[in-house]
C-alpha atoms as a PDB file:
ATOM      1  CA  MET A   1       8.703  11.671  16.521  1.00  0.00           C
ATOM      2  CA  LYS A   2      10.365   9.018  14.330  1.00  0.00           C
ATOM      3  CA  ILE A   3       7.480   6.681  12.501  1.00  0.00           C
ATOM      4  CA  ARG A   4       7.571   3.985  10.413  1.00  0.00           C
ATOM      5  CA  ILE A   5       5.035   2.264   8.430  1.00  0.00           C
ATOM      6  CA  VAL A   6       5.291  -1.743   8.315  1.00  0.00           C
ATOM      7  CA  ASP A   7       3.164  -4.429   6.982  1.00  0.00           C
ATOM      8  CA  ALA A   8       3.034  -7.299   8.861  1.00  0.00           C
ATOM      9  CA  PHE A   9       1.939 -10.702   8.326  1.00  0.00           C
ATOM     10  CA  THR A  10       3.488 -10.288   4.834  1.00  0.00           C
ATOM     11  CA  ALA A  11       7.242 -11.317   3.478  1.00  0.00           C
ATOM     12  CA  ARG A  12       7.019  -8.616   0.719  1.00  0.00           C
ATOM     13  CA  PRO A  13       5.755  -4.633   0.820  1.00  0.00           C
ATOM     14  CA  PHE A  14       2.221  -3.152   0.097  1.00  0.00           C
ATOM     15  CA  ALA A  15       0.924  -6.583   1.148  1.00  0.00           C
ATOM     16  CA  GLY A  16      -0.676  -7.795   4.390  1.00  0.00           C
ATOM     17  CA  ASN A  17      -1.373  -5.630   6.861  1.00  0.00           C
ATOM     18  CA  PRO A  18       0.438  -2.013   7.452  1.00  0.00           C
ATOM     19  CA  ALA A  19       1.050  -0.595  10.600  1.00  0.00           C
ATOM     20  CA  GLY A  20       2.279   2.710  11.982  1.00  0.00           C
ATOM     21  CA  VAL A  21       4.606   2.244  14.593  1.00  0.00           C
ATOM     22  CA  VAL A  22       6.539   5.466  16.677  1.00  0.00           C
ATOM     23  CA  LEU A  23       9.088   4.368  18.931  1.00  0.00           C
ATOM     24  CA  LEU A  24       9.121   7.211  21.779  1.00  0.00           C
ATOM     25  CA  ASP A  25      11.935   8.536  24.115  1.00  0.00           C
ATOM     26  CA  ALA A  26      12.105   7.143  27.659  1.00  0.00           C
ATOM     27  CA  ASP A  27       9.972  10.059  28.860  1.00  0.00           C
ATOM     28  CA  GLY A  28       6.704   7.741  28.419  1.00  0.00           C
ATOM     29  CA  PHE A  29       3.756   8.458  26.253  1.00  0.00           C
ATOM     30  CA  PRO A  30       3.291  11.993  24.548  1.00  0.00           C
ATOM     31  CA  ASP A  31      -0.708  13.904  25.451  1.00  0.00           C
ATOM     32  CA  GLU A  32      -2.901  10.876  24.883  1.00  0.00           C
ATOM     33  CA  ASP A  33      -4.757  14.030  22.440  1.00  0.00           C
ATOM     34  CA  ARG A  34      -1.429  13.879  20.428  1.00  0.00           C
ATOM     35  CA  MET A  35      -1.208  10.106  20.117  1.00  0.00           C
ATOM     36  CA  ARG A  36      -4.698  10.442  17.940  1.00  0.00           C
ATOM     37  CA  GLN A  37      -3.798  13.031  16.223  1.00  0.00           C
ATOM     38  CA  VAL A  38      -1.193  10.983  14.791  1.00  0.00           C
ATOM     39  CA  ALA A  39      -3.084   8.384  14.479  1.00  0.00           C
ATOM     40  CA  ALA A  40      -6.050  10.185  12.609  1.00  0.00           C
ATOM     41  CA  GLU A  41      -3.088  11.478  10.537  1.00  0.00           C
ATOM     42  CA  VAL A  42      -1.542   7.846   9.920  1.00  0.00           C
ATOM     43  CA  ASN A  43      -5.207   7.378   8.895  1.00  0.00           C
ATOM     44  CA  LEU A  44      -4.378   3.197   8.847  1.00  0.00           C
ATOM     45  CA  SER A  45      -6.466   0.253  11.330  1.00  0.00           C
ATOM     46  CA  GLU A  46      -3.997   0.705  14.087  1.00  0.00           C
ATOM     47  CA  THR A  47      -0.844   3.017  14.840  1.00  0.00           C
ATOM     48  CA  ALA A  48       1.160   1.797  17.542  1.00  0.00           C
ATOM     49  CA  PHE A  49       3.375   3.821  20.169  1.00  0.00           C
ATOM     50  CA  ALA A  50       5.917   2.595  22.422  1.00  0.00           C
ATOM     51  CA  TYR A  51       8.512   3.766  25.178  1.00  0.00           C
ATOM     52  CA  PRO A  52      11.260   1.813  26.469  1.00  0.00           C
ATOM     53  CA  LEU A  53      10.977   0.495  30.562  1.00  0.00           C
ATOM     54  CA  PRO A  54      13.545   1.302  33.008  1.00  0.00           C
ATOM     55  CA  PRO A  55      15.746  -2.083  34.147  1.00  0.00           C
ATOM     56  CA  GLY A  56      13.458  -4.099  37.108  1.00  0.00           C
ATOM     57  CA  ALA A  57       9.947  -2.870  35.371  1.00  0.00           C
ATOM     58  CA  PRO A  58       7.721  -5.798  34.612  1.00  0.00           C
ATOM     59  CA  ALA A  59       8.226  -5.603  31.110  1.00  0.00           C
ATOM     60  CA  ASP A  60      10.593  -3.725  28.579  1.00  0.00           C
ATOM     61  CA  TRP A  61       8.739  -1.435  26.764  1.00  0.00           C
ATOM     62  CA  ALA A  62       5.128   0.410  27.136  1.00  0.00           C
ATOM     63  CA  LEU A  63       2.756   0.152  24.012  1.00  0.00           C
ATOM     64  CA  ARG A  64      -0.661   1.303  23.335  1.00  0.00           C
ATOM     65  CA  TRP A  65      -2.596   1.201  19.579  1.00  0.00           C
ATOM     66  CA  PHE A  66      -4.979   3.093  18.338  1.00  0.00           C
ATOM     67  CA  THR A  67      -7.227   3.297  15.210  1.00  0.00           C
ATOM     68  CA  PRO A  68      -7.726   6.401  13.505  1.00  0.00           C
ATOM     69  CA  VAL A  69     -10.509   6.907  15.826  1.00  0.00           C
ATOM     70  CA  THR A  70     -10.137   5.102  19.517  1.00  0.00           C
ATOM     71  CA  GLU A  71      -7.529   3.180  21.955  1.00  0.00           C
ATOM     72  CA  VAL A  72      -7.980  -0.406  21.572  1.00  0.00           C
ATOM     73  CA  ASP A  73      -7.117  -3.227  24.489  1.00  0.00           C
ATOM     74  CA  MET A  74      -5.264  -5.827  21.974  1.00  0.00           C
ATOM     75  CA  CYS A  75      -3.510  -5.127  18.504  1.00  0.00           C
ATOM     76  CA  GLY A  76      -2.376  -8.166  16.345  1.00  0.00           C
ATOM     77  CA  HIS A  77      -0.723  -7.183  13.472  1.00  0.00           C
ATOM     78  CA  ALA A  78       0.639  -3.444  15.457  1.00  0.00           C
ATOM     79  CA  THR A  79       2.427  -5.738  18.114  1.00  0.00           C
ATOM     80  CA  LEU A  80       4.445  -7.691  15.314  1.00  0.00           C
ATOM     81  CA  ALA A  81       5.278  -4.532  13.389  1.00  0.00           C
ATOM     82  CA  THR A  82       6.818  -3.187  16.261  1.00  0.00           C
ATOM     83  CA  ALA A  83       8.477  -6.015  17.128  1.00  0.00           C
ATOM     84  CA  HIS A  84       9.740  -6.008  13.771  1.00  0.00           C
ATOM     85  CA  THR A  85      11.327  -2.570  14.089  1.00  0.00           C
ATOM     86  CA  LEU A  86      12.701  -3.090  17.637  1.00  0.00           C
ATOM     87  CA  LEU A  87      14.452  -6.194  16.093  1.00  0.00           C
ATOM     88  CA  SER A  88      15.578  -4.656  12.739  1.00  0.00           C
ATOM     89  CA  THR A  89      17.101  -1.354  14.406  1.00  0.00           C
ATOM     90  CA  GLY A  90      19.033  -2.992  17.103  1.00  0.00           C
ATOM     91  CA  ALA A  91      16.732  -1.265  19.483  1.00  0.00           C
ATOM     92  CA  ALA A  92      16.048  -5.048  21.365  1.00  0.00           C
ATOM     93  CA  THR A  93      17.305  -8.426  20.923  1.00  0.00           C
ATOM     94  CA  GLY A  94      16.259 -11.173  21.280  1.00  0.00           C
ATOM     95  CA  MET A  95      12.733 -11.950  23.809  1.00  0.00           C
ATOM     96  CA  ILE A  96      10.911  -8.749  24.096  1.00  0.00           C
ATOM     97  CA  ARG A  97       8.252  -8.191  26.547  1.00  0.00           C
ATOM     98  CA  PHE A  98       5.594  -5.346  26.680  1.00  0.00           C
ATOM     99  CA  THR A  99       3.439  -3.546  28.377  1.00  0.00           C
ATOM    100  CA  THR A 100      -0.407  -3.576  27.933  1.00  0.00           C
ATOM    101  CA  ARG A 101      -3.605  -3.040  28.550  1.00  0.00           C
ATOM    102  CA  SER A 102      -3.768  -6.704  27.738  1.00  0.00           C
ATOM    103  CA  GLY A 103      -1.200  -7.375  29.867  1.00  0.00           C
ATOM    104  CA  VAL A 104       1.822  -8.368  29.233  1.00  0.00           C
ATOM    105  CA  LEU A 105       2.844  -9.552  25.777  1.00  0.00           C
ATOM    106  CA  ARG A 106       5.716 -11.460  24.627  1.00  0.00           C
ATOM    107  CA  ALA A 107       7.646 -11.454  21.198  1.00  0.00           C
ATOM    108  CA  ALA A 108      10.397 -13.060  19.825  1.00  0.00           C
ATOM    109  CA  SER A 109      12.115 -13.787  16.497  1.00  0.00           C
ATOM    110  CA  ALA A 110      11.632 -16.869  14.432  1.00  0.00           C
ATOM    111  CA  ASP A 111      13.220 -18.682  11.651  1.00  0.00           C
ATOM    112  CA  GLY A 112      13.141 -16.919   8.513  1.00  0.00           C
ATOM    113  CA  GLY A 113      13.210 -13.430  10.097  1.00  0.00           C
ATOM    114  CA  ALA A 114       9.995 -13.686  11.359  1.00  0.00           C
ATOM    115  CA  VAL A 115       8.725 -12.902  14.750  1.00  0.00           C
ATOM    116  CA  THR A 116       6.168 -14.748  17.106  1.00  0.00           C
ATOM    117  CA  LEU A 117       4.042 -12.885  18.953  1.00  0.00           C
ATOM    118  CA  ASP A 118       2.627 -14.150  22.600  1.00  0.00           C
ATOM    119  CA  PHE A 119      -0.868 -13.728  23.220  1.00  0.00           C
ATOM    120  CA  PRO A 120      -3.298 -14.838  26.023  1.00  0.00           C
ATOM    121  CA  THR A 121      -5.876 -17.015  23.893  1.00  0.00           C
ATOM    122  CA  ALA A 122      -9.266 -15.840  23.405  1.00  0.00           C
ATOM    123  CA  PRO A 123     -12.236 -17.708  25.936  1.00  0.00           C
ATOM    124  CA  LEU A 124     -14.895 -17.983  23.233  1.00  0.00           C
ATOM    125  CA  ALA A 125     -18.755 -18.576  24.249  1.00  0.00           C
ATOM    126  CA  PRO A 126     -21.413 -19.031  21.718  1.00  0.00           C
ATOM    127  CA  VAL A 127     -24.011 -16.489  21.758  1.00  0.00           C
ATOM    128  CA  GLU A 128     -27.282 -16.300  19.790  1.00  0.00           C
ATOM    129  CA  PRO A 129     -26.585 -14.155  16.103  1.00  0.00           C
ATOM    130  CA  PRO A 130     -27.944 -11.328  16.440  1.00  0.00           C
ATOM    131  CA  SER A 131     -31.132 -11.290  14.800  1.00  0.00           C
ATOM    132  CA  ALA A 132     -30.276  -8.328  12.241  1.00  0.00           C
ATOM    133  CA  LEU A 133     -26.768 -10.431  11.377  1.00  0.00           C
ATOM    134  CA  PRO A 134     -27.120 -12.395   8.215  1.00  0.00           C
ATOM    135  CA  GLN A 135     -29.074  -9.635   6.822  1.00  0.00           C
ATOM    136  CA  ALA A 136     -26.422  -7.546   7.759  1.00  0.00           C
ATOM    137  CA  LEU A 137     -23.705  -9.936   6.600  1.00  0.00           C
ATOM    138  CA  GLY A 138     -25.802 -10.466   3.147  1.00  0.00           C
ATOM    139  CA  ALA A 139     -25.279 -14.238   3.898  1.00  0.00           C
ATOM    140  CA  PRO A 140     -26.361 -17.432   6.318  1.00  0.00           C
ATOM    141  CA  VAL A 141     -25.175 -17.879   9.681  1.00  0.00           C
ATOM    142  CA  LEU A 142     -23.714 -21.462  11.166  1.00  0.00           C
ATOM    143  CA  GLY A 143     -22.653 -19.776  14.747  1.00  0.00           C
ATOM    144  CA  ALA A 144     -21.833 -17.286  16.807  1.00  0.00           C
ATOM    145  CA  TYR A 145     -19.475 -16.668  19.188  1.00  0.00           C
ATOM    146  CA  ASP A 146     -17.908 -13.661  21.814  1.00  0.00           C
ATOM    147  CA  THR A 147     -14.391 -13.364  21.587  1.00  0.00           C
ATOM    148  CA  GLY A 148     -14.310 -12.088  25.299  1.00  0.00           C
ATOM    149  CA  ARG A 149     -12.583  -8.521  26.724  1.00  0.00           C
ATOM    150  CA  ASN A 150      -9.750  -8.244  25.196  1.00  0.00           C
ATOM    151  CA  VAL A 151     -10.701  -8.703  21.118  1.00  0.00           C
ATOM    152  CA  GLY A 152     -14.249  -7.840  22.272  1.00  0.00           C
ATOM    153  CA  ASP A 153     -15.370  -9.156  18.201  1.00  0.00           C
ATOM    154  CA  LEU A 154     -17.901 -11.479  17.635  1.00  0.00           C
ATOM    155  CA  LEU A 155     -16.601 -14.118  15.401  1.00  0.00           C
ATOM    156  CA  VAL A 156     -18.906 -15.606  12.893  1.00  0.00           C
ATOM    157  CA  GLU A 157     -19.002 -19.040  11.158  1.00  0.00           C
ATOM    158  CA  LEU A 158     -20.130 -19.161   7.292  1.00  0.00           C
ATOM    159  CA  PRO A 159     -20.684 -22.416   5.551  1.00  0.00           C
ATOM    160  CA  ASP A 160     -17.729 -22.583   3.277  1.00  0.00           C
ATOM    161  CA  GLU A 161     -14.876 -20.281   2.067  1.00  0.00           C
ATOM    162  CA  SER A 162     -16.454 -18.212  -1.129  1.00  0.00           C
ATOM    163  CA  ALA A 163     -18.784 -17.261   1.490  1.00  0.00           C
ATOM    164  CA  VAL A 164     -16.335 -15.366   3.004  1.00  0.00           C
ATOM    165  CA  ARG A 165     -14.553 -14.359  -0.157  1.00  0.00           C
ATOM    166  CA  GLU A 166     -17.799 -12.980  -1.479  1.00  0.00           C
ATOM    167  CA  LEU A 167     -19.603 -11.562   1.388  1.00  0.00           C
ATOM    168  CA  SER A 168     -19.940  -7.827   0.833  1.00  0.00           C
ATOM    169  CA  PRO A 169     -21.516  -6.571   4.475  1.00  0.00           C
ATOM    170  CA  ASP A 170     -23.823  -3.794   5.422  1.00  0.00           C
ATOM    171  CA  LEU A 171     -21.160  -1.998   6.987  1.00  0.00           C
ATOM    172  CA  ALA A 172     -23.127   0.402   8.461  1.00  0.00           C
ATOM    173  CA  ALA A 173     -25.445  -1.896  10.251  1.00  0.00           C
ATOM    174  CA  ILE A 174     -21.944  -4.105  10.796  1.00  0.00           C
ATOM    175  CA  GLY A 175     -21.025  -0.792  12.945  1.00  0.00           C
ATOM    176  CA  ARG A 176     -24.215  -0.874  14.796  1.00  0.00           C
ATOM    177  CA  LEU A 177     -24.009  -4.545  16.733  1.00  0.00           C
ATOM    178  CA  PRO A 178     -22.757  -4.445  20.326  1.00  0.00           C
ATOM    179  CA  HIS A 179     -19.319  -5.480  19.415  1.00  0.00           C
ATOM    180  CA  ARG A 180     -15.535  -4.058  18.441  1.00  0.00           C
ATOM    181  CA  GLY A 181     -16.100  -5.842  15.221  1.00  0.00           C
ATOM    182  CA  VAL A 182     -17.005  -8.727  13.036  1.00  0.00           C
ATOM    183  CA  ILE A 183     -14.595 -11.984  12.124  1.00  0.00           C
ATOM    184  CA  VAL A 184     -16.079 -13.966   9.796  1.00  0.00           C
ATOM    185  CA  THR A 185     -14.385 -17.357   8.876  1.00  0.00           C
ATOM    186  CA  ALA A 186     -14.533 -20.855   7.135  1.00  0.00           C
ATOM    187  CA  ALA A 187     -12.459 -23.209   6.683  1.00  0.00           C
ATOM    188  CA  ALA A 188     -10.308 -23.695   3.588  1.00  0.00           C
ATOM    189  CA  ARG A 189     -11.600 -25.267   0.842  1.00  0.00           C
ATOM    190  CA  ASP A 190      -8.191 -26.798  -0.208  1.00  0.00           C
ATOM    191  CA  ARG A 191      -6.241 -28.072   2.959  1.00  0.00           C
ATOM    192  CA  THR A 192      -3.227 -28.392   0.136  1.00  0.00           C
ATOM    193  CA  GLY A 193      -3.425 -25.054  -0.615  1.00  0.00           C
ATOM    194  CA  GLY A 194      -0.880 -23.709   2.327  1.00  0.00           C
ATOM    195  CA  TYR A 195      -4.020 -22.726   5.038  1.00  0.00           C
ATOM    196  CA  ASP A 196      -6.102 -24.213   7.071  1.00  0.00           C
ATOM    197  CA  PHE A 197      -9.123 -21.892   7.843  1.00  0.00           C
ATOM    198  CA  VAL A 198      -9.922 -18.324   5.686  1.00  0.00           C
ATOM    199  CA  SER A 199     -11.394 -15.487   7.432  1.00  0.00           C
ATOM    200  CA  ARG A 200     -12.166 -11.639   7.236  1.00  0.00           C
ATOM    201  CA  PHE A 201     -12.607  -8.700   9.920  1.00  0.00           C
ATOM    202  CA  PHE A 202     -14.997  -5.539   9.999  1.00  0.00           C
ATOM    203  CA  GLY A 203     -14.780  -2.960  12.637  1.00  0.00           C
ATOM    204  CA  PRO A 204     -16.571   0.155  11.438  1.00  0.00           C
ATOM    205  CA  ALA A 205     -17.620   0.623  14.945  1.00  0.00           C
ATOM    206  CA  VAL A 206     -13.444   1.432  15.637  1.00  0.00           C
ATOM    207  CA  GLY A 207     -12.927   3.360  12.511  1.00  0.00           C
ATOM    208  CA  ILE A 208     -11.854  -0.119  10.366  1.00  0.00           C
ATOM    209  CA  PRO A 209     -14.583  -0.811   7.919  1.00  0.00           C
ATOM    210  CA  GLU A 210     -12.236  -4.047   6.749  1.00  0.00           C
ATOM    211  CA  ASP A 211      -9.126  -4.716   8.431  1.00  0.00           C
ATOM    212  CA  PRO A 212      -6.368  -6.509   6.181  1.00  0.00           C
ATOM    213  CA  VAL A 213      -5.089  -8.966   7.959  1.00  0.00           C
ATOM    214  CA  THR A 214      -6.156  -9.255  12.585  1.00  0.00           C
ATOM    215  CA  GLY A 215      -4.079 -10.742  14.810  1.00  0.00           C
ATOM    216  CA  SER A 216      -6.054 -10.745  17.589  1.00  0.00           C
ATOM    217  CA  ALA A 217      -9.087 -12.686  16.233  1.00  0.00           C
ATOM    218  CA  HIS A 218      -6.009 -14.813  15.396  1.00  0.00           C
ATOM    219  CA  THR A 219      -6.375 -15.649  19.040  1.00  0.00           C
ATOM    220  CA  ALA A 220     -10.270 -16.793  18.669  1.00  0.00           C
ATOM    221  CA  LEU A 221      -9.537 -18.597  15.442  1.00  0.00           C
ATOM    222  CA  ALA A 222      -6.995 -20.450  16.926  1.00  0.00           C
ATOM    223  CA  PRO A 223      -8.800 -22.789  19.645  1.00  0.00           C
ATOM    224  CA  PHE A 224     -11.984 -22.291  17.226  1.00  0.00           C
ATOM    225  CA  TRP A 225     -10.209 -23.875  14.574  1.00  0.00           C
ATOM    226  CA  SER A 226      -8.316 -25.987  16.445  1.00  0.00           C
ATOM    227  CA  ALA A 227     -11.057 -27.536  18.204  1.00  0.00           C
ATOM    228  CA  ARG A 228     -12.420 -28.676  15.093  1.00  0.00           C
ATOM    229  CA  LEU A 229      -9.842 -30.015  13.468  1.00  0.00           C
ATOM    230  CA  GLY A 230      -8.170 -31.225  16.177  1.00  0.00           C
ATOM    231  CA  ARG A 231      -4.723 -29.790  15.372  1.00  0.00           C
ATOM    232  CA  THR A 232      -2.947 -27.240  17.852  1.00  0.00           C
ATOM    233  CA  GLU A 233      -0.608 -25.807  14.884  1.00  0.00           C
ATOM    234  CA  LEU A 234      -2.370 -23.970  11.809  1.00  0.00           C
ATOM    235  CA  THR A 235      -2.130 -21.656   9.120  1.00  0.00           C
ATOM    236  CA  GLY A 236      -4.645 -19.188   8.594  1.00  0.00           C
ATOM    237  CA  LEU A 237      -4.984 -16.432   5.442  1.00  0.00           C
ATOM    238  CA  GLN A 238      -7.076 -13.288   6.098  1.00  0.00           C
ATOM    239  CA  ALA A 239      -9.176 -12.904   2.121  1.00  0.00           C
ATOM    240  CA  SER A 240      -9.290  -9.354   2.054  1.00  0.00           C
ATOM    241  CA  ALA A 241      -7.862  -7.224  -0.502  1.00  0.00           C
ATOM    242  CA  ARG A 242      -4.161  -7.397   0.547  1.00  0.00           C
ATOM    243  CA  THR A 243      -4.254 -10.845   1.913  1.00  0.00           C
ATOM    244  CA  GLY A 244      -2.046 -12.038   4.325  1.00  0.00           C
ATOM    245  CA  LEU A 245      -0.878 -15.966   6.446  1.00  0.00           C
ATOM    246  CA  VAL A 246      -0.831 -16.015   9.908  1.00  0.00           C
ATOM    247  CA  ARG A 247       0.336 -19.261  11.557  1.00  0.00           C
ATOM    248  CA  THR A 248      -1.212 -20.107  15.191  1.00  0.00           C
ATOM    249  CA  ALA A 249       0.331 -22.629  17.899  1.00  0.00           C
ATOM    250  CA  LEU A 250      -2.613 -23.693  20.646  1.00  0.00           C
ATOM    251  CA  HIS A 251      -1.148 -23.785  24.191  1.00  0.00           C
ATOM    252  CA  GLY A 252      -3.853 -23.682  26.165  1.00  0.00           C
ATOM    253  CA  ASP A 253      -4.561 -19.716  27.762  1.00  0.00           C
ATOM    254  CA  ARG A 254      -1.852 -18.905  25.438  1.00  0.00           C
ATOM    255  CA  THR A 255      -2.021 -18.132  21.178  1.00  0.00           C
ATOM    256  CA  LEU A 256       1.520 -18.471  19.228  1.00  0.00           C
ATOM    257  CA  LEU A 257       1.326 -16.029  16.143  1.00  0.00           C
ATOM    258  CA  THR A 258       3.249 -16.364  13.787  1.00  0.00           C
ATOM    259  CA  GLY A 259       4.655 -13.885  10.259  1.00  0.00           C
ATOM    260  CA  HIS A 260       6.891 -11.434   8.711  1.00  0.00           C
ATOM    261  CA  ALA A 261       6.897  -7.882   8.278  1.00  0.00           C
ATOM    262  CA  VAL A 262       8.403  -5.494   6.486  1.00  0.00           C
ATOM    263  CA  THR A 263       9.231  -1.561   6.811  1.00  0.00           C
ATOM    264  CA  VAL A 264       8.257   0.921   3.830  1.00  0.00           C
ATOM    265  CA  ILE A 265       8.475   3.908   5.552  1.00  0.00           C
ATOM    266  CA  GLU A 266       9.948   5.818   7.348  1.00  0.00           C
ATOM    267  CA  GLY A 267       9.994   9.586   8.235  1.00  0.00           C
ATOM    268  CA  ASP A 268       9.322  12.009  11.676  1.00  0.00           C
ATOM    269  CA  VAL A 269       6.531  13.896  12.430  1.00  0.00           C
ATOM    270  CA  LEU A 270       6.874  17.280  12.136  1.00  0.00           C
ATOM    271  CA  ALA A 271       3.875  19.121  13.477  1.00  0.00           C
END
C-alpha cells in the first residue's frame, strides 16, 4: 500500500493538520483490523483509506477515516488531503464524489490550488452545558450546542479569543463527556486580521488530545457564526500549535469548506 502524509488547511509544509492518505486498488478496503493497525502506526488524528468505484456507481471513490483508536463518521481535513492527493497525482480530475458513512461528499479544485469540500451542515441544537464542563475547560461557558449525528461534538462558546487561545483543559475530564469531542470557539478579537472566529478542538475520547485543524467542526462553526455575524462566507482560524485557516460558505443544509494542502511524505506500508 502506498501511503502519503498530507498537511491540510495550510499552504506550507509542517503546518495545518497532517493526515495519512492510503489510495487502494479497485478491489476494495482491506480487512478492518488492517486499517486500524495502519492508522495506529501512523498515529495522526486521521488516516484516510480510499478506493475507486466502477463506472455507474453513485460516487467515484469509497472513503473511510480512522483515528489511532476508532473509525469516525466524518472527517474534513483527511477528505481534503485525499482530494488533494487524487488531484495532484492525476488520479482524478474535476469534481470528486466520495461515498462515506456521512453520505456522498464532494470535493473540487478551487482558485489558487485550493480544494473545496461540500459537506452537510451540522444541525445545531442548544443544550444545557454539562455540569462538569466549566471545570474541565477551566473557563466560563457562554453556551453549548449539540452538533448532530455526523459531527457528534459539543460546540462551546467562550467569552473571547484570549479564552480560546489560553485554554488548558483537563483532557481526562473532557474524555468522560458524552460526545466525540469538544469544539471551543469565540469571535475574532480583530475582524481585520484575516479571520472572523477562532476555535480549538479536543477529542481525547477518540485518541485525539487536540486536533490541529478540524474540518468537520467547521460544518457547525459556519452556521453558528453566520447567524451571529450576518454573513454566509467566513474564515475560521483554528488556534492550535500548528494553526490553519478554513474558509466557509453556508448554503442552507450544505457547507463549503475551502483550504490548501501540501504533500510532505510519500512511502509504502511494508508489513
